[in-house]
Amino acid sequence: MSNMKIKNILPPTSQRVFMRTDPKINAEIRNHTIRTLNIFKNCNETEISERIRMLNQEWDIERVLEASAAALMLVSSYLGIKTSKLCFLITGTIGAFMVQHALQGWCPPLSLVRKWGVRTAEEIHAEKTALKIMRGDFFDDYSTAVDVLNMAEK
């Protein structure tokens, strides 16, 4: 098997959801981010900082899928014990979808959740970085690697 086929099957972790999402949905999510940034471009430091705090609380696609899958697996497992063993097929199917998502960045509910506007961690981070630039965080002179890392983690 060629190296190119492996790359197509297992895309880079940080890009796998973006690569497996319909380009129109990716564009809608990006355009929404741009509209939000346009709202904040003339805001003061406090308002921008509040938006960054809100972004730190935003659930990314991984968290939404993991929480949803876990809840559905618990319910289907309970139903499998209490009602019919066939419910365990649901548990197994959800588990298979999560493995597929972990490896390829796609699973059946992904398109729907992305249509709802749920972003990847990278998309959320990009908005936070843009807001930090607007706030003026990156214009200071940093003398040590610790200073740079502290700013990146801010």
N, C-alpha and C. Protein backbone atom coordinates (compact mmCIF):
# COMPACT_ATOMS: atom_id res chain seq x y z
N MET A 1 0.86 -1.19 0.00
CA MET A 1 0.00 0.00 0.00
C MET A 1 0.90 1.24 0.00
N SER A 2 0.55 2.18 -0.82
CA SER A 2 1.38 3.38 -0.92
C SER A 2 1.15 4.30 0.26
N ASN A 3 2.15 5.14 0.51
CA ASN A 3 2.07 6.11 1.60
C ASN A 3 0.92 7.09 1.39
N MET A 4 0.61 7.43 0.13
CA MET A 4 -0.47 8.37 -0.18
C MET A 4 -1.82 7.81 0.24
N LYS A 5 -2.05 6.49 0.01
CA LYS A 5 -3.32 5.89 0.41
C LYS A 5 -3.48 5.93 1.92
N ILE A 6 -2.42 5.68 2.65
CA ILE A 6 -2.48 5.72 4.11
C ILE A 6 -2.84 7.12 4.58
N LYS A 7 -2.26 8.15 3.96
CA LYS A 7 -2.56 9.53 4.33
C LYS A 7 -4.03 9.85 4.08
N ASN A 8 -4.61 9.31 3.01
CA ASN A 8 -6.02 9.56 2.71
C ASN A 8 -6.94 8.85 3.70
N ILE A 9 -6.52 7.65 4.13
CA ILE A 9 -7.35 6.90 5.06
C ILE A 9 -7.25 7.50 6.46
N LEU A 10 -6.04 7.88 6.87
CA LEU A 10 -5.81 8.41 8.21
C LEU A 10 -5.27 9.85 8.09
N PRO A 11 -6.16 10.82 7.94
CA PRO A 11 -5.71 12.20 7.81
C PRO A 11 -5.11 12.72 9.12
N PRO A 12 -4.36 13.83 9.06
CA PRO A 12 -3.76 14.39 10.27
C PRO A 12 -4.85 14.70 11.31
N THR A 13 -4.56 14.45 12.55
CA THR A 13 -5.53 14.63 13.63
C THR A 13 -6.16 16.01 13.60
N SER A 14 -5.36 17.05 13.46
CA SER A 14 -5.90 18.41 13.56
C SER A 14 -6.75 18.80 12.36
N GLN A 15 -6.67 18.06 11.26
CA GLN A 15 -7.41 18.41 10.05
C GLN A 15 -8.47 17.39 9.66
N ARG A 16 -8.57 16.28 10.39
CA ARG A 16 -9.42 15.19 9.93
C ARG A 16 -10.89 15.55 9.82
N VAL A 17 -11.43 16.31 10.78
CA VAL A 17 -12.84 16.69 10.71
C VAL A 17 -13.05 17.70 9.58
N PHE A 18 -12.18 18.68 9.49
CA PHE A 18 -12.29 19.69 8.44
C PHE A 18 -12.25 19.03 7.06
N MET A 19 -11.34 18.06 6.88
CA MET A 19 -11.19 17.39 5.59
C MET A 19 -12.40 16.53 5.25
N ARG A 20 -13.12 16.05 6.25
CA ARG A 20 -14.26 15.16 6.02
C ARG A 20 -15.61 15.89 6.07
N THR A 21 -15.56 17.21 6.22
CA THR A 21 -16.79 18.01 6.26
C THR A 21 -17.02 18.63 4.89
N ASP A 22 -18.27 18.73 4.50
CA ASP A 22 -18.65 19.36 3.23
C ASP A 22 -18.03 20.76 3.18
N PRO A 23 -17.35 21.10 2.09
CA PRO A 23 -16.72 22.42 1.97
C PRO A 23 -17.71 23.59 2.18
N LYS A 24 -18.96 23.40 1.80
CA LYS A 24 -19.96 24.46 2.02
C LYS A 24 -20.18 24.70 3.50
N ILE A 25 -20.21 23.63 4.28
CA ILE A 25 -20.39 23.76 5.73
C ILE A 25 -19.15 24.41 6.34
N ASN A 26 -17.97 23.99 5.90
CA ASN A 26 -16.74 24.62 6.39
C ASN A 26 -16.76 26.12 6.09
N ALA A 27 -17.21 26.49 4.89
CA ALA A 27 -17.27 27.91 4.51
C ALA A 27 -18.27 28.66 5.37
N GLU A 28 -19.42 28.05 5.66
CA GLU A 28 -20.42 28.69 6.52
C GLU A 28 -19.86 28.95 7.92
N ILE A 29 -19.17 27.96 8.46
CA ILE A 29 -18.57 28.10 9.79
C ILE A 29 -17.51 29.21 9.77
N ARG A 30 -16.67 29.23 8.74
CA ARG A 30 -15.64 30.26 8.63
C ARG A 30 -16.28 31.64 8.49
N ASN A 31 -17.30 31.76 7.65
CA ASN A 31 -17.97 33.05 7.46
C ASN A 31 -18.63 33.54 8.74
N HIS A 32 -19.17 32.62 9.53
CA HIS A 32 -19.75 33.00 10.82
C HIS A 32 -18.67 33.55 11.75
N THR A 33 -17.51 32.90 11.74
CA THR A 33 -16.39 33.38 12.55
C THR A 33 -15.97 34.77 12.11
N ILE A 34 -15.90 34.99 10.81
CA ILE A 34 -15.52 36.31 10.28
C ILE A 34 -16.55 37.37 10.69
N ARG A 35 -17.83 37.03 10.63
CA ARG A 35 -18.87 37.99 11.06
C ARG A 35 -18.70 38.33 12.55
N THR A 36 -18.40 37.32 13.34
CA THR A 36 -18.18 37.56 14.78
C THR A 36 -16.96 38.44 15.00
N LEU A 37 -15.87 38.16 14.29
CA LEU A 37 -14.66 38.98 14.44
C LEU A 37 -14.93 40.42 14.00
N ASN A 38 -15.73 40.61 12.97
CA ASN A 38 -16.07 41.97 12.54
C ASN A 38 -16.84 42.73 13.62
N ILE A 39 -17.64 42.03 14.38
CA ILE A 39 -18.36 42.66 15.50
C ILE A 39 -17.38 43.13 16.56
N PHE A 40 -16.35 42.33 16.81
CA PHE A 40 -15.41 42.62 17.90
C PHE A 40 -14.22 43.48 17.49
N LYS A 41 -14.07 43.78 16.21
CA LYS A 41 -12.86 44.51 15.78
C LYS A 41 -12.80 45.92 16.34
N ASN A 42 -13.93 46.51 16.71
CA ASN A 42 -13.93 47.85 17.27
C ASN A 42 -14.29 47.86 18.76
N CYS A 43 -14.24 46.70 19.38
CA CYS A 43 -14.58 46.60 20.80
C CYS A 43 -13.36 46.88 21.67
N ASN A 44 -13.63 47.16 22.92
CA ASN A 44 -12.52 47.42 23.84
C ASN A 44 -11.95 46.10 24.38
N GLU A 45 -10.86 46.23 25.11
CA GLU A 45 -10.14 45.06 25.62
C GLU A 45 -11.01 44.18 26.51
N THR A 46 -11.85 44.79 27.32
CA THR A 46 -12.71 44.03 28.23
C THR A 46 -13.72 43.18 27.45
N GLU A 47 -14.32 43.76 26.43
CA GLU A 47 -15.30 43.03 25.62
C GLU A 47 -14.64 41.88 24.85
N ILE A 48 -13.46 42.13 24.32
CA ILE A 48 -12.73 41.07 23.61
C ILE A 48 -12.34 39.97 24.59
N SER A 49 -11.90 40.35 25.78
CA SER A 49 -11.52 39.35 26.79
C SER A 49 -12.72 38.51 27.19
N GLU A 50 -13.88 39.10 27.27
CA GLU A 50 -15.10 38.35 27.61
C GLU A 50 -15.42 37.35 26.50
N ARG A 51 -15.26 37.76 25.25
CA ARG A 51 -15.50 36.83 24.13
C ARG A 51 -14.52 35.67 24.20
N ILE A 52 -13.26 35.93 24.53
CA ILE A 52 -12.27 34.86 24.66
C ILE A 52 -12.67 33.92 25.79
N ARG A 53 -13.16 34.47 26.90
CA ARG A 53 -13.64 33.60 27.99
C ARG A 53 -14.79 32.72 27.52
N MET A 54 -15.68 33.28 26.71
CA MET A 54 -16.79 32.49 26.16
C MET A 54 -16.27 31.38 25.25
N LEU A 55 -15.29 31.70 24.43
CA LEU A 55 -14.72 30.69 23.53
C LEU A 55 -14.04 29.57 24.31
N ASN A 56 -13.47 29.89 25.47
CA ASN A 56 -12.85 28.86 26.31
C ASN A 56 -13.89 27.87 26.84
N GLN A 57 -15.16 28.27 26.86
CA GLN A 57 -16.24 27.40 27.33
C GLN A 57 -16.94 26.66 26.19
N GLU A 58 -16.66 27.07 24.96
CA GLU A 58 -17.35 26.46 23.80
C GLU A 58 -16.95 25.00 23.64
N TRP A 59 -17.96 24.16 23.41
CA TRP A 59 -17.70 22.75 23.17
C TRP A 59 -17.29 22.56 21.72
N ASP A 60 -16.19 21.85 21.49
CA ASP A 60 -15.78 21.56 20.13
C ASP A 60 -16.45 20.27 19.65
N ILE A 61 -16.24 19.96 18.39
CA ILE A 61 -16.90 18.80 17.77
C ILE A 61 -16.57 17.50 18.49
N GLU A 62 -15.33 17.37 18.95
CA GLU A 62 -14.92 16.14 19.64
C GLU A 62 -15.73 15.94 20.92
N ARG A 63 -15.86 17.01 21.69
CA ARG A 63 -16.58 16.91 22.96
C ARG A 63 -18.06 16.62 22.73
N VAL A 64 -18.65 17.26 21.73
CA VAL A 64 -20.06 17.02 21.42
C VAL A 64 -20.28 15.58 21.01
N LEU A 65 -19.44 15.08 20.10
CA LEU A 65 -19.59 13.70 19.65
C LEU A 65 -19.33 12.69 20.77
N GLU A 66 -18.31 12.94 21.56
CA GLU A 66 -17.98 12.02 22.66
C GLU A 66 -19.10 11.97 23.69
N ALA A 67 -19.61 13.13 24.08
CA ALA A 67 -20.68 13.16 25.08
C ALA A 67 -21.96 12.51 24.55
N SER A 68 -22.29 12.81 23.31
CA SER A 68 -23.49 12.23 22.71
C SER A 68 -23.37 10.71 22.58
N ALA A 69 -22.22 10.26 22.09
CA ALA A 69 -22.01 8.82 21.92
C ALA A 69 -22.04 8.11 23.27
N ALA A 70 -21.40 8.69 24.26
CA ALA A 70 -21.37 8.07 25.58
C ALA A 70 -22.78 7.96 26.17
N ALA A 71 -23.56 9.03 26.03
CA ALA A 71 -24.93 9.00 26.56
C ALA A 71 -25.78 7.95 25.83
N LEU A 72 -25.66 7.91 24.51
CA LEU A 72 -26.42 6.91 23.75
C LEU A 72 -25.97 5.49 24.07
N MET A 73 -24.68 5.29 24.29
CA MET A 73 -24.18 3.96 24.65
C MET A 73 -24.69 3.53 26.02
N LEU A 74 -24.75 4.46 26.96
CA LEU A 74 -25.30 4.13 28.28
C LEU A 74 -26.77 3.74 28.19
N VAL A 75 -27.54 4.52 27.45
CA VAL A 75 -28.97 4.24 27.30
C VAL A 75 -29.18 2.91 26.59
N SER A 76 -28.46 2.68 25.48
CA SER A 76 -28.66 1.43 24.75
C SER A 76 -28.18 0.22 25.55
N SER A 77 -27.13 0.39 26.35
CA SER A 77 -26.68 -0.70 27.21
C SER A 77 -27.73 -1.02 28.28
N TYR A 78 -28.27 0.02 28.88
CA TYR A 78 -29.33 -0.18 29.88
C TYR A 78 -30.52 -0.89 29.24
N LEU A 79 -30.93 -0.43 28.06
CA LEU A 79 -32.05 -1.07 27.38
C LEU A 79 -31.73 -2.51 26.99
N GLY A 80 -30.47 -2.76 26.66
CA GLY A 80 -30.05 -4.13 26.35
C GLY A 80 -30.18 -5.05 27.55
N ILE A 81 -29.90 -4.53 28.72
CA ILE A 81 -30.02 -5.32 29.94
C ILE A 81 -31.49 -5.50 30.34
N LYS A 82 -32.26 -4.42 30.24
CA LYS A 82 -33.65 -4.43 30.74
C LYS A 82 -34.69 -4.92 29.74
N THR A 83 -34.46 -4.72 28.45
CA THR A 83 -35.52 -5.06 27.49
C THR A 83 -35.09 -6.15 26.51
N SER A 84 -34.22 -5.82 25.60
CA SER A 84 -33.86 -6.76 24.54
C SER A 84 -32.36 -6.70 24.28
N LYS A 85 -31.80 -7.87 24.11
CA LYS A 85 -30.37 -7.95 23.78
C LYS A 85 -30.06 -7.27 22.45
N LEU A 86 -31.05 -7.09 21.59
CA LEU A 86 -30.85 -6.42 20.32
C LEU A 86 -30.37 -4.97 20.50
N CYS A 87 -30.69 -4.38 21.64
CA CYS A 87 -30.25 -3.01 21.92
C CYS A 87 -28.73 -2.91 21.99
N PHE A 88 -28.08 -4.04 22.26
CA PHE A 88 -26.61 -4.03 22.29
C PHE A 88 -26.03 -3.79 20.89
N LEU A 89 -26.82 -4.04 19.85
CA LEU A 89 -26.37 -3.71 18.50
C LEU A 89 -26.19 -2.20 18.35
N ILE A 90 -27.05 -1.44 19.01
CA ILE A 90 -26.93 0.02 18.98
C ILE A 90 -25.63 0.42 19.67
N THR A 91 -25.37 -0.17 20.82
CA THR A 91 -24.13 0.12 21.55
C THR A 91 -22.91 -0.17 20.68
N GLY A 92 -22.91 -1.32 20.04
CA GLY A 92 -21.79 -1.69 19.17
C GLY A 92 -21.65 -0.77 17.97
N THR A 93 -22.78 -0.39 17.39
CA THR A 93 -22.75 0.51 16.23
C THR A 93 -22.16 1.86 16.61
N ILE A 94 -22.58 2.38 17.74
CA ILE A 94 -22.06 3.67 18.20
C ILE A 94 -20.55 3.57 18.46
N GLY A 95 -20.13 2.49 19.07
CA GLY A 95 -18.70 2.28 19.30
C GLY A 95 -17.93 2.23 17.99
N ALA A 96 -18.48 1.55 16.99
CA ALA A 96 -17.82 1.48 15.68
C ALA A 96 -17.74 2.87 15.04
N PHE A 97 -18.82 3.64 15.17
CA PHE A 97 -18.80 5.01 14.63
C PHE A 97 -17.71 5.86 15.29
N MET A 98 -17.54 5.69 16.59
CA MET A 98 -16.53 6.49 17.30
C MET A 98 -15.12 6.08 16.90
N VAL A 99 -14.89 4.80 16.66
CA VAL A 99 -13.58 4.36 16.17
C VAL A 99 -13.34 4.94 14.78
N GLN A 100 -14.37 4.89 13.94
CA GLN A 100 -14.25 5.46 12.59
C GLN A 100 -13.93 6.95 12.67
N HIS A 101 -14.60 7.66 13.57
CA HIS A 101 -14.34 9.09 13.73
C HIS A 101 -12.91 9.33 14.22
N ALA A 102 -12.48 8.55 15.19
CA ALA A 102 -11.13 8.73 15.73
C ALA A 102 -10.06 8.53 14.66
N LEU A 103 -10.28 7.58 13.78
CA LEU A 103 -9.28 7.28 12.76
C LEU A 103 -9.40 8.16 11.53
N GLN A 104 -10.63 8.36 11.05
CA GLN A 104 -10.81 9.05 9.77
C GLN A 104 -11.36 10.47 9.90
N GLY A 105 -11.91 10.80 11.05
CA GLY A 105 -12.48 12.13 11.21
C GLY A 105 -13.89 12.25 10.70
N TRP A 106 -14.53 11.12 10.45
CA TRP A 106 -15.91 11.14 9.97
C TRP A 106 -16.70 10.06 10.68
N CYS A 107 -17.97 10.35 10.92
CA CYS A 107 -18.95 9.38 11.38
C CYS A 107 -20.32 9.92 10.96
N PRO A 108 -21.34 9.08 10.92
CA PRO A 108 -22.64 9.53 10.39
C PRO A 108 -23.20 10.82 11.01
N PRO A 109 -23.11 11.04 12.31
CA PRO A 109 -23.69 12.29 12.83
C PRO A 109 -22.84 13.54 12.59
N LEU A 110 -21.63 13.38 12.06
CA LEU A 110 -20.73 14.52 11.91
C LEU A 110 -21.34 15.63 11.06
N SER A 111 -21.90 15.27 9.91
CA SER A 111 -22.46 16.29 9.00
C SER A 111 -23.54 17.11 9.69
N LEU A 112 -24.41 16.44 10.41
CA LEU A 112 -25.49 17.14 11.11
C LEU A 112 -24.95 18.08 12.18
N VAL A 113 -24.02 17.59 12.97
CA VAL A 113 -23.47 18.40 14.05
C VAL A 113 -22.70 19.59 13.49
N ARG A 114 -21.98 19.40 12.40
CA ARG A 114 -21.27 20.52 11.76
C ARG A 114 -22.26 21.53 11.18
N LYS A 115 -23.38 21.05 10.63
CA LYS A 115 -24.41 21.96 10.11
C LYS A 115 -24.96 22.84 11.23
N TRP A 116 -24.98 22.32 12.44
CA TRP A 116 -25.42 23.10 13.60
C TRP A 116 -24.40 24.17 13.97
N GLY A 117 -23.22 24.13 13.34
CA GLY A 117 -22.20 25.14 13.59
C GLY A 117 -21.18 24.76 14.64
N VAL A 118 -21.17 23.50 15.05
CA VAL A 118 -20.19 23.06 16.05
C VAL A 118 -18.82 23.01 15.36
N ARG A 119 -17.85 23.69 15.98
CA ARG A 119 -16.54 23.86 15.38
C ARG A 119 -15.51 22.90 15.95
N THR A 120 -14.42 22.78 15.21
CA THR A 120 -13.28 22.01 15.70
C THR A 120 -12.52 22.86 16.72
N ALA A 121 -11.68 22.20 17.49
CA ALA A 121 -10.84 22.94 18.45
C ALA A 121 -9.94 23.93 17.70
N GLU A 122 -9.47 23.55 16.52
CA GLU A 122 -8.61 24.43 15.74
C GLU A 122 -9.36 25.68 15.28
N GLU A 123 -10.62 25.53 14.89
CA GLU A 123 -11.43 26.68 14.46
C GLU A 123 -11.69 27.63 15.62
N ILE A 124 -11.95 27.07 16.79
CA ILE A 124 -12.16 27.90 17.98
C ILE A 124 -10.85 28.62 18.33
N HIS A 125 -9.75 27.88 18.28
CA HIS A 125 -8.44 28.48 18.60
C HIS A 125 -8.09 29.60 17.62
N ALA A 126 -8.43 29.42 16.35
CA ALA A 126 -8.14 30.46 15.36
C ALA A 126 -8.89 31.75 15.69
N GLU A 127 -10.15 31.64 16.11
CA GLU A 127 -10.89 32.86 16.50
C GLU A 127 -10.27 33.49 17.73
N LYS A 128 -9.89 32.67 18.71
CA LYS A 128 -9.25 33.22 19.91
C LYS A 128 -7.95 33.94 19.57
N THR A 129 -7.15 33.37 18.69
CA THR A 129 -5.90 34.00 18.29
C THR A 129 -6.16 35.32 17.58
N ALA A 130 -7.15 35.33 16.68
CA ALA A 130 -7.49 36.58 15.98
C ALA A 130 -7.93 37.66 16.98
N LEU A 131 -8.72 37.26 17.97
CA LEU A 131 -9.15 38.22 18.99
C LEU A 131 -7.97 38.73 19.82
N LYS A 132 -7.02 37.86 20.12
CA LYS A 132 -5.84 38.27 20.87
C LYS A 132 -4.99 39.25 20.07
N ILE A 133 -4.93 39.02 18.77
CA ILE A 133 -4.22 39.98 17.91
C ILE A 133 -4.93 41.32 17.94
N MET A 134 -6.25 41.31 17.84
CA MET A 134 -7.04 42.56 17.91
C MET A 134 -6.83 43.27 19.24
N ARG A 135 -6.70 42.48 20.29
CA ARG A 135 -6.53 43.04 21.64
C ARG A 135 -5.13 43.59 21.84
N GLY A 136 -4.18 43.19 20.96
CA GLY A 136 -2.82 43.69 21.05
C GLY A 136 -1.87 42.82 21.83
N ASP A 137 -2.24 41.57 22.03
CA ASP A 137 -1.42 40.68 22.85
C ASP A 137 -0.05 40.39 22.26
N PHE A 138 0.11 40.45 20.96
CA PHE A 138 1.33 39.96 20.33
C PHE A 138 2.29 41.07 19.91
N PHE A 139 2.09 42.25 20.42
CA PHE A 139 2.97 43.35 20.04
C PHE A 139 4.05 43.63 21.07
N ASP A 140 4.05 42.88 22.14
CA ASP A 140 5.08 43.05 23.16
C ASP A 140 6.36 42.34 22.72
N ASP A 141 7.46 42.74 23.33
CA ASP A 141 8.74 42.11 23.05
C ASP A 141 8.94 41.01 24.09
N TYR A 142 9.02 39.78 23.64
CA TYR A 142 9.20 38.65 24.55
C TYR A 142 10.65 38.22 24.52
N SER A 143 11.23 38.13 25.68
CA SER A 143 12.65 37.84 25.73
C SER A 143 12.96 36.37 25.96
N THR A 144 12.02 35.61 26.49
CA THR A 144 12.30 34.20 26.77
C THR A 144 11.24 33.31 26.15
N ALA A 145 11.61 32.06 26.02
CA ALA A 145 10.66 31.07 25.52
C ALA A 145 9.48 30.90 26.48
N VAL A 146 9.75 31.04 27.76
CA VAL A 146 8.68 30.96 28.77
C VAL A 146 7.65 32.06 28.54
N ASP A 147 8.11 33.28 28.25
CA ASP A 147 7.20 34.39 27.97
C ASP A 147 6.32 34.09 26.76
N VAL A 148 6.92 33.57 25.71
CA VAL A 148 6.18 33.25 24.49
C VAL A 148 5.15 32.14 24.77
N LEU A 149 5.56 31.12 25.49
CA LEU A 149 4.65 30.02 25.81
C LEU A 149 3.50 30.52 26.69
N ASN A 150 3.80 31.35 27.67
CA ASN A 150 2.76 31.91 28.52
C ASN A 150 1.73 32.69 27.70
N MET A 151 2.21 33.45 26.72
CA MET A 151 1.29 34.22 25.85
C MET A 151 0.45 33.27 25.00
N ALA A 152 1.06 32.23 24.48
CA ALA A 152 0.33 31.28 23.65
C ALA A 152 -0.76 30.55 24.45
N GLU A 153 -0.51 30.34 25.73
CA GLU A 153 -1.48 29.64 26.59
C GLU A 153 -2.54 30.56 27.15
N LYS A 154 -2.37 31.85 27.00
CA LYS A 154 -3.29 32.84 27.56
C LYS A 154 -4.68 32.71 26.97
